[in-house]
Protein backbone atom coordinates (compact mmCIF):
# COMPACT_ATOMS: atom_id res chain seq x y z
CA MET A 1 0.00 0.01 0.00
CA ILE A 2 1.35 3.42 -0.97
CA ASP A 3 2.08 5.72 1.98
CA MET A 4 0.40 9.04 1.19
CA HIS A 5 1.92 10.86 4.16
CA PHE A 6 4.15 13.82 3.29
CA PRO A 7 6.85 13.84 5.99
CA ARG A 8 7.87 17.12 7.61
CA PRO A 9 10.69 16.15 9.95
CA GLU A 10 12.33 19.62 10.00
CA LEU A 11 9.14 21.31 11.17
CA ALA A 12 8.54 18.56 13.73
CA ALA A 13 12.09 18.87 15.06
CA ARG A 14 11.77 22.64 15.40
CA LEU A 15 8.49 22.43 17.29
CA ALA A 16 9.82 19.62 19.49
CA ASN A 17 12.79 21.83 20.42
CA GLU A 18 10.50 24.74 21.19
CA LEU A 19 8.26 22.54 23.33
CA THR A 20 11.13 21.20 25.36
CA GLY A 21 12.45 24.68 26.13
CA ALA A 22 15.36 24.85 23.70
CA SER A 23 14.21 28.20 22.25
CA LEU A 24 14.36 31.32 24.44
CA LEU A 25 11.79 33.12 22.27
CA SER A 26 9.18 30.38 22.38
CA ASP A 27 6.49 29.98 25.03
CA ALA A 28 5.61 26.51 23.74
CA ARG A 29 6.60 24.78 26.96
CA ASN A 30 3.51 26.43 28.50
CA GLY A 31 1.35 24.99 25.74
CA LEU A 32 1.45 24.92 21.96
CA PHE A 33 -1.79 25.78 20.17
CA LEU A 34 -1.81 25.11 16.42
CA ALA A 35 -4.65 26.00 14.07
CA GLN A 36 -5.14 25.00 10.46
CA ALA A 37 -8.13 24.18 8.28
CA ARG A 38 -9.58 20.70 8.07
CA ARG A 39 -8.09 18.18 5.61
CA THR A 40 -4.79 20.04 5.34
CA GLY A 41 -2.66 17.32 6.95
CA LYS A 42 -2.76 18.65 10.50
CA SER A 43 -3.67 15.37 12.20
CA TRP A 44 -1.17 13.39 10.16
CA PHE A 45 1.52 15.86 11.11
CA LEU A 46 0.75 15.46 14.81
CA GLN A 47 0.72 11.66 14.64
CA ARG A 48 3.34 10.90 12.01
CA ASP A 49 5.85 13.74 12.54
CA LEU A 50 5.56 15.52 15.88
CA LYS A 51 4.76 12.43 17.94
CA PRO A 52 7.83 10.48 16.69
CA ALA A 53 10.02 13.59 17.14
CA LEU A 54 9.05 13.83 20.80
CA GLU A 55 9.31 10.08 21.33
CA ALA A 56 12.84 10.23 19.94
CA LYS A 57 13.62 12.62 22.81
CA GLY A 58 12.41 10.00 25.29
CA TRP A 59 8.91 11.35 25.93
CA ILE A 60 5.75 9.31 26.42
CA VAL A 61 3.40 10.83 23.86
CA LEU A 62 -0.37 10.46 24.19
CA TYR A 63 -2.53 11.43 21.22
CA ILE A 64 -6.23 12.23 21.62
CA ASP A 65 -8.62 13.16 18.81
CA PHE A 66 -11.73 14.92 20.13
CA TRP A 67 -13.23 14.81 16.63
CA LYS A 68 -13.10 11.01 16.49
CA ASP A 69 -16.30 10.75 18.51
CA VAL A 70 -17.92 14.14 18.97
CA LYS A 71 -20.75 12.62 20.98
CA ARG A 72 -18.38 11.46 23.71
CA ASP A 73 -17.39 13.85 26.46
CA PRO A 74 -13.82 15.13 25.92
CA ALA A 75 -13.11 14.58 29.61
CA LYS A 76 -13.90 10.90 29.19
CA LEU A 77 -11.60 10.67 26.17
CA ILE A 78 -8.74 12.14 28.19
CA ALA A 79 -9.30 9.64 30.99
CA ASP A 80 -9.38 6.78 28.49
CA VAL A 81 -6.06 7.66 26.87
CA ILE A 82 -4.34 7.98 30.23
CA GLU A 83 -5.74 4.61 31.23
CA THR A 84 -4.35 3.11 28.02
CA ALA A 85 -0.97 4.70 28.74
CA PHE A 86 -0.74 2.85 32.03
CA GLU A 87 -1.26 -0.40 30.14
CA GLN A 88 0.90 0.30 27.08
CA HIS A 89 3.82 2.20 28.53
CA LEU A 90 4.03 0.79 32.03
CA GLY A 91 2.50 -2.60 32.62
CA ILE A 92 3.75 -2.54 36.19
CA MET A 93 1.60 0.55 36.84
CA THR A 94 -1.52 -1.57 37.21
CA ARG A 95 0.17 -3.66 39.85
CA ALA A 96 1.55 -0.56 41.52
CA ALA A 97 -1.86 1.06 41.50
CA LYS A 98 -3.43 -2.02 43.04
CA SER A 99 -0.81 -1.97 45.81
CA LEU A 100 -1.79 1.63 46.51
CA GLY A 101 -5.49 0.85 46.49
CA ILE A 102 -6.10 2.94 43.37
CA SER A 103 -8.60 1.65 40.85
CA LYS A 104 -9.76 4.68 38.91
CA ILE A 105 -8.62 7.80 37.12
CA GLY A 106 -10.89 10.72 37.90
CA VAL A 107 -11.33 13.70 35.63
CA PRO A 108 -13.42 16.68 36.79
CA GLY A 109 -16.88 16.61 35.32
CA THR A 110 -16.92 12.95 34.37
CA ALA A 111 -17.16 9.58 36.04
CA SER A 112 -13.88 7.94 37.03
CA VAL A 113 -12.48 5.34 34.67
CA ASP A 114 -11.52 1.89 35.95
CA PHE A 115 -8.04 0.63 35.13
CA ALA A 116 -7.89 -2.03 37.84
CA SER A 117 -11.26 -3.66 37.51
CA THR A 118 -10.79 -6.02 40.43
CA LEU A 119 -10.88 -3.05 42.82
CA ASP A 120 -13.79 -0.70 43.31
CA PHE A 121 -12.39 1.90 45.68
CA GLY A 122 -10.04 4.85 45.53
CA ALA A 123 -9.66 7.48 42.80
CA LEU A 124 -6.76 9.21 41.10
CA SER A 125 -7.09 12.78 39.85
CA LEU A 126 -5.96 13.69 36.35
CA ALA A 127 -2.97 15.64 37.67
CA ASP A 128 -2.01 12.84 40.05
CA ALA A 129 -2.40 10.20 37.33
CA LEU A 130 -0.03 12.04 35.01
CA ALA A 131 2.43 12.77 37.81
CA LEU A 132 2.42 9.13 38.91
CA LEU A 133 2.95 7.92 35.34
CA HIS A 134 5.90 10.30 35.07
CA LYS A 135 7.35 9.25 38.42
CA ARG A 136 7.07 5.51 37.89
CA SER A 137 8.19 5.50 34.26
CA GLY A 138 10.95 8.03 34.66
CA LYS A 139 9.78 9.64 31.42
CA ARG A 140 8.30 13.02 30.64
CA ILE A 141 4.83 13.14 29.10
CA ALA A 142 3.36 15.00 26.14
CA LEU A 143 -0.37 15.19 25.41
CA LEU A 144 -1.30 15.93 21.77
CA ILE A 145 -4.98 16.89 21.65
CA ASP A 146 -6.51 17.21 18.17
CA GLU A 147 -9.61 19.39 17.65
CA ALA A 148 -9.19 20.66 21.21
CA GLN A 149 -11.86 23.34 20.80
CA HIS A 150 -14.49 20.62 21.10
CA ALA A 151 -13.77 20.55 24.85
CA LEU A 152 -15.48 23.93 25.13
CA THR A 153 -18.85 22.49 24.15
CA SER A 154 -19.52 21.07 27.64
CA ASP A 155 -18.92 21.99 31.27
CA ALA A 156 -17.09 18.70 31.78
CA GLY A 157 -14.86 19.33 28.78
CA GLU A 158 -13.87 22.78 30.02
CA ALA A 159 -13.26 21.35 33.48
CA ALA A 160 -10.91 18.82 31.90
CA MET A 161 -8.98 21.63 30.20
CA ILE A 162 -8.67 23.44 33.53
CA ALA A 163 -7.46 20.18 35.11
CA LEU A 164 -4.84 19.80 32.37
CA LYS A 165 -3.65 23.36 32.96
CA SER A 166 -3.38 22.61 36.66
CA ALA A 167 -1.47 19.39 35.96
CA ARG A 168 0.94 21.27 33.68
CA ASP A 169 1.57 23.93 36.32
CA GLN A 170 2.14 21.38 39.07
CA MET A 171 4.44 19.13 37.07
CA ASN A 172 6.48 21.92 35.51
CA ALA A 173 6.92 24.03 38.61
CA ALA A 174 10.50 24.49 39.82
CA VAL A 175 12.06 22.31 37.09
CA ASN A 176 14.50 23.41 34.40
CA GLU A 177 12.90 21.22 31.75
CA PRO A 178 9.13 20.62 31.52
CA THR A 179 7.78 17.21 32.51
CA LEU A 180 4.33 17.68 30.96
CA LEU A 181 3.83 19.19 27.51
CA LEU A 182 0.47 20.11 26.04
CA VAL A 183 -0.08 20.48 22.29
CA MET A 184 -3.58 21.39 21.17
CA SER A 185 -4.68 21.73 17.58
CA GLY A 186 -7.87 22.94 15.98
CA SER A 187 -9.38 23.33 12.53
CA HIS A 188 -10.88 26.73 13.39
CA GLN A 189 -8.58 29.45 14.73
CA ASP A 190 -11.28 31.53 16.40
CA LYS A 191 -12.65 28.52 18.28
CA LEU A 192 -9.21 27.41 19.44
CA MET A 193 -8.49 30.96 20.63
CA ARG A 194 -11.36 30.64 23.09
CA LEU A 195 -9.06 28.39 25.12
CA THR A 196 -6.57 31.26 25.47
CA ASN A 197 -8.04 34.70 24.87
CA SER A 198 -9.72 35.77 28.12
CA PRO A 199 -9.07 35.59 31.89
CA ALA A 200 -11.83 32.95 32.10
CA ALA A 201 -10.15 30.76 29.44
CA PRO A 202 -8.30 27.68 30.72
CA PHE A 203 -5.03 28.68 29.04
CA TRP A 204 -5.26 32.45 29.20
CA GLY A 205 -2.06 34.08 27.98
CA SER A 206 -1.02 31.37 25.54
CA ARG A 207 -0.97 32.17 21.85
CA VAL A 208 -2.60 30.34 18.97
CA GLU A 209 -0.29 29.87 15.98
CA LEU A 210 -1.08 28.83 12.45
CA LEU A 211 0.48 25.47 11.59
CA GLU A 212 2.72 25.91 8.56
CA ARG A 213 0.84 24.98 5.40
CA LEU A 214 1.98 22.18 3.13
CA GLY A 215 2.48 24.55 0.21
CA LYS A 216 4.99 24.12 -2.62
CA PRO A 217 7.11 21.42 -0.91
CA TYR A 218 4.09 19.12 -0.91
CA VAL A 219 3.37 19.78 -4.58
CA ASP A 220 7.02 19.09 -5.46
CA TRP A 221 6.86 15.83 -3.49
CA CYS A 222 3.69 14.79 -5.36
CA VAL A 223 5.16 15.68 -8.76
CA GLU A 224 8.28 13.62 -8.13
CA ARG A 225 6.23 10.62 -7.09
CA LEU A 226 3.83 11.02 -10.02
CA GLN A 227 6.65 11.26 -12.54
CA THR A 228 8.22 8.12 -11.11
CA GLU A 229 4.91 6.28 -11.34
CA LEU A 230 3.91 7.76 -14.71
CA PRO A 231 6.97 8.89 -16.70
CA ALA A 232 4.67 10.41 -19.34
CA LEU A 233 3.94 13.21 -16.86
CA LYS A 234 7.45 14.65 -17.13
CA THR A 235 6.03 17.87 -18.60
CA LEU A 236 3.89 18.79 -15.56
CA ASN A 237 3.96 22.52 -14.93
CA ARG A 238 4.72 22.94 -11.25
CA HIS A 239 3.81 26.62 -11.10
CA LYS A 240 0.29 25.89 -12.35
CA LEU A 241 0.03 23.01 -9.88
CA TYR A 242 1.13 25.33 -7.05
CA ARG A 243 -1.75 27.64 -8.00
CA ALA A 244 -4.19 24.74 -8.16
CA PHE A 245 -3.14 23.47 -4.72
CA ASP A 246 -3.60 26.94 -3.29
CA GLU A 247 -7.02 27.24 -4.94
CA LEU A 248 -7.98 23.98 -3.24
CA GLY A 249 -7.01 25.32 0.15
CA ASN A 250 -3.84 23.22 0.48
CA ARG A 251 -5.97 20.08 0.83
CA PRO A 252 -4.11 17.00 -0.42
CA GLN A 253 -7.21 14.86 -0.93
CA PHE A 254 -8.81 17.41 -3.26
CA PHE A 255 -5.54 18.05 -5.08
CA LEU A 256 -4.86 14.41 -5.84
CA ALA A 257 -8.47 13.92 -6.89
CA ALA A 258 -8.12 16.83 -9.34
CA ILE A 259 -4.98 15.29 -10.87
CA LYS A 260 -6.68 11.91 -11.18
CA ASP A 261 -9.76 13.47 -12.82
CA ALA A 262 -7.59 15.50 -15.21
CA ILE A 263 -5.66 12.43 -16.35
CA ARG A 264 -8.85 10.40 -16.78
CA GLU A 265 -10.61 13.12 -18.77
CA LEU A 266 -7.66 13.78 -21.08
CA THR A 267 -6.82 10.14 -21.79
CA GLU A 268 -10.48 9.44 -22.67
CA ARG A 269 -10.49 12.01 -25.46
CA ALA A 270 -10.57 10.60 -28.98
CA ASP A 271 -7.55 12.51 -30.31
CA GLU A 272 -5.26 11.85 -27.33
CA ILE A 273 -2.79 14.34 -28.84
CA ALA A 274 -0.18 15.49 -26.35
CA TRP A 275 -2.56 14.93 -23.45
CA THR A 276 0.31 15.08 -20.99
CA GLU A 277 0.95 18.70 -22.01
CA GLN A 278 -2.56 19.61 -20.87
CA VAL A 279 -2.67 17.97 -17.45
CA SER A 280 -1.48 20.98 -15.46
CA ASP A 281 -3.95 23.31 -17.17
CA ARG A 282 -6.80 20.89 -16.57
CA VAL A 283 -5.89 20.46 -12.88
CA LEU A 284 -5.88 24.24 -12.46
CA ALA A 285 -9.27 24.46 -14.21
CA ILE A 286 -10.75 21.70 -12.03
CA ALA A 287 -9.50 23.49 -8.90
CA ALA A 288 -11.20 26.71 -9.99
CA GLU A 289 -14.38 24.82 -10.81
CA ARG A 290 -14.45 23.20 -7.38
CA LYS A 291 -13.81 26.49 -5.61
CA ASN A 292 -16.62 28.19 -7.55
CA ALA A 293 -18.93 25.24 -6.85
CA ASP A 294 -18.18 25.49 -3.13
CA ARG A 295 -18.96 29.21 -3.17
CA ASP A 296 -22.17 28.59 -5.08
CA GLY A 297 -23.08 25.96 -2.51
CA PHE A 298 -22.62 28.38 0.37
CA ALA A 299 -24.68 31.00 -1.47
CA ALA A 300 -27.50 28.49 -2.11
CA THR A 301 -27.50 27.45 1.55
CA TYR A 302 -27.64 31.08 2.67
CA LEU A 303 -30.48 31.92 0.31
CA GLN A 304 -32.51 28.95 1.60
CA LEU A 305 -32.49 30.38 5.13
CA ASP A 306 -35.43 32.46 6.32
CA PRO A 307 -34.82 36.23 6.58
CA LEU A 308 -34.03 36.29 10.30
CA GLU A 309 -31.70 33.30 10.01
CA GLN A 310 -29.89 35.14 7.24
CA ALA A 311 -29.63 38.26 9.39
CA VAL A 312 -28.27 36.35 12.41
CA LEU A 313 -25.71 34.47 10.31
CA TRP A 314 -24.72 37.67 8.50
CA ARG A 315 -24.21 39.48 11.81
CA LEU A 316 -22.01 36.66 13.13
CA LEU A 317 -19.87 36.48 9.99
CA GLN A 318 -19.50 40.26 10.04
CA SER A 319 -18.63 40.48 13.76
CA GLY A 320 -16.32 37.49 14.19
CA THR A 321 -15.18 36.96 17.78
CA GLN A 322 -16.96 40.20 18.79
CA PHE A 323 -20.39 38.73 17.97
CA LYS A 324 -23.09 39.56 20.49
CA ALA A 325 -26.42 38.07 19.51
CA TYR A 326 -28.76 40.30 21.55
CA ASP A 327 -27.16 43.70 22.09
CA THR A 328 -28.81 46.91 20.88
CA ASP A 329 -26.79 47.09 17.66
CA ALA A 330 -27.53 43.46 16.79
CA MET A 331 -31.25 43.83 17.34
CA ALA A 332 -31.26 46.99 15.18
CA PHE A 333 -29.34 45.05 12.49
CA TYR A 334 -31.95 42.29 12.47
CA LYS A 335 -34.79 44.81 12.28
CA ALA A 336 -33.20 46.55 9.30
CA HIS A 337 -32.81 43.22 7.51
CA ILE A 338 -36.28 41.73 8.12
CA GLY A 339 -38.24 44.99 8.24
CA LYS A 340 -39.61 44.59 11.74
CA ALA A 341 -38.47 44.29 15.34
CA THR A 342 -37.78 40.87 16.82
CA THR A 343 -37.12 39.50 20.32
CA ALA A 344 -34.12 37.88 21.98
CA ALA A 345 -36.11 34.69 22.39
CA THR A 346 -36.79 34.53 18.66
CA VAL A 347 -33.13 35.22 17.87
CA GLN A 348 -32.16 32.40 20.25
CA ARG A 349 -34.42 29.99 18.35
CA LYS A 350 -32.79 31.02 15.07
CA LEU A 351 -29.31 30.45 16.53
CA GLU A 352 -30.34 26.95 17.55
CA SER A 353 -31.88 26.38 14.12
CA LEU A 354 -28.60 27.33 12.44
CA ARG A 355 -26.79 24.89 14.71
CA GLU A 356 -29.19 22.09 13.81
CA LYS A 357 -28.83 22.43 10.03
CA ASN A 358 -27.29 19.52 8.17
CA PRO A 359 -24.42 20.26 7.99
CA PRO A 360 -24.43 22.69 10.94
CA LEU A 361 -23.72 26.35 10.22
CA LEU A 362 -22.93 27.45 13.76
CA TRP A 363 -20.82 26.13 16.63
CA LYS A 364 -21.65 26.96 20.23
CA SER A 365 -19.45 26.72 23.33
CA GLN A 366 -20.88 25.91 26.73
CA ARG A 367 -20.46 29.64 27.52
CA ALA A 368 -22.88 30.43 24.66
CA GLU A 369 -20.14 31.77 22.39
CA TYR A 370 -20.87 31.31 18.69
CA SER A 371 -18.62 30.78 15.67
CA PRO A 372 -19.09 29.46 12.15
CA TYR A 373 -19.04 25.69 12.31
CA ASP A 374 -16.57 25.48 9.45
CA GLN A 375 -13.85 28.02 8.73
CA SER A 376 -14.72 27.76 5.03
CA LEU A 377 -18.01 29.56 5.70
CA GLN A 378 -16.13 32.54 7.12
CA ASP A 379 -13.65 32.43 4.22
CA TRP A 380 -16.56 32.48 1.75
CA TYR A 381 -18.13 35.51 3.44
CA ASN A 382 -14.82 37.38 3.51
CA PHE A 383 -14.24 36.69 -0.20
CA GLU A 384 -17.72 37.76 -1.28
CA PHE A 385 -17.69 40.86 0.93
CA ASN A 386 -14.27 41.98 -0.31
CA ALA A 387 -15.39 41.40 -3.89
CA GLY A 388 -18.42 43.66 -3.35
CA ARG A 389 -20.88 40.83 -3.87
CA TRP A 390 -22.42 40.65 -0.43
CA PRO A 391 -25.16 39.74 0.35
CA PRO A 392 -25.90 36.93 -2.12
CA LYS A 393 -28.80 37.49 -4.45
CA VAL A 394 -31.15 35.07 -6.13
CA SER A 395 -30.03 34.49 -9.72
CA ALA A 396 -32.38 35.60 -12.45
CA PRO A 397 -34.18 32.65 -14.15
């Protein structure tokens, strides 16, 4: 089976050094928060590049994906992965725990998780569980949490984030090198920032960074592999492919699909004259077609909303992180759009309606903070607004 992972060892090594305190200018040892859009290779980078880089330094690395099962409480997922770590990394821990009378790992806001099923008493807090794993194994611990913003959708999830912050502070206090590292990623920058951007946020003071995009190095890597597999593609125009990859949002799955479709379309033509010369142009055209189709899809979805739903979504996309659903300016905005006054209760129903669409249009934290569910929706609004085409209008028949 062909490995489709594009390795980024240099980036992983740099971030690993920053995390472990090797860079004076980096605050990563207090938590690294990485944002990048969905399907851009973020999760693969965490698992296939950063995790091995930290393991090579002797760390126990625990990876958790909150998106894997969005219906499960994030706090429970954290407890599960720590339980597994006891079994995988330190088989003697179970016996040690039994000798101490400990049978469960407790995470605030969720039921404790058994890891010594023969006992039914005692509990170990999240901070104590991590500290004990560190002490008994003699290894430092790194938690990589993918789609971390999902923790903010429940009280228990936020409590788990606060518990992790407490564990980090306790384990890293008065030591030259950190013993607990936290790396949190998210596919929506504004959502991830809600873990860091206010005094009430669990990791207030930390900074969200954009994970470096795949960009040209990925395209070059693909071209080299394609030309090895199909020597006829030696005339691929890399500059046009760079543009196509950018048009597709740096998403490998869409990019490779566009190349496959271009080759299939061109080889099926009757003349088949110099089809290899046309592949790059066709990939670029397919990328543009897909981007336009996505924009048309957002416009169609928006136009299918009722007037107040449109006004609420418009206000949110316009306001970003400063969105307030019920203040005086917002209520005046809704009135201007629908031609009559409305109430906070009615606006609340529309917010919930937008969340319940399939696919959802809005995301809500347990603190009743709202964001677009998908970053692409915000990108679409920004593009249309900057192009002077906002709001969308019904096309003439």
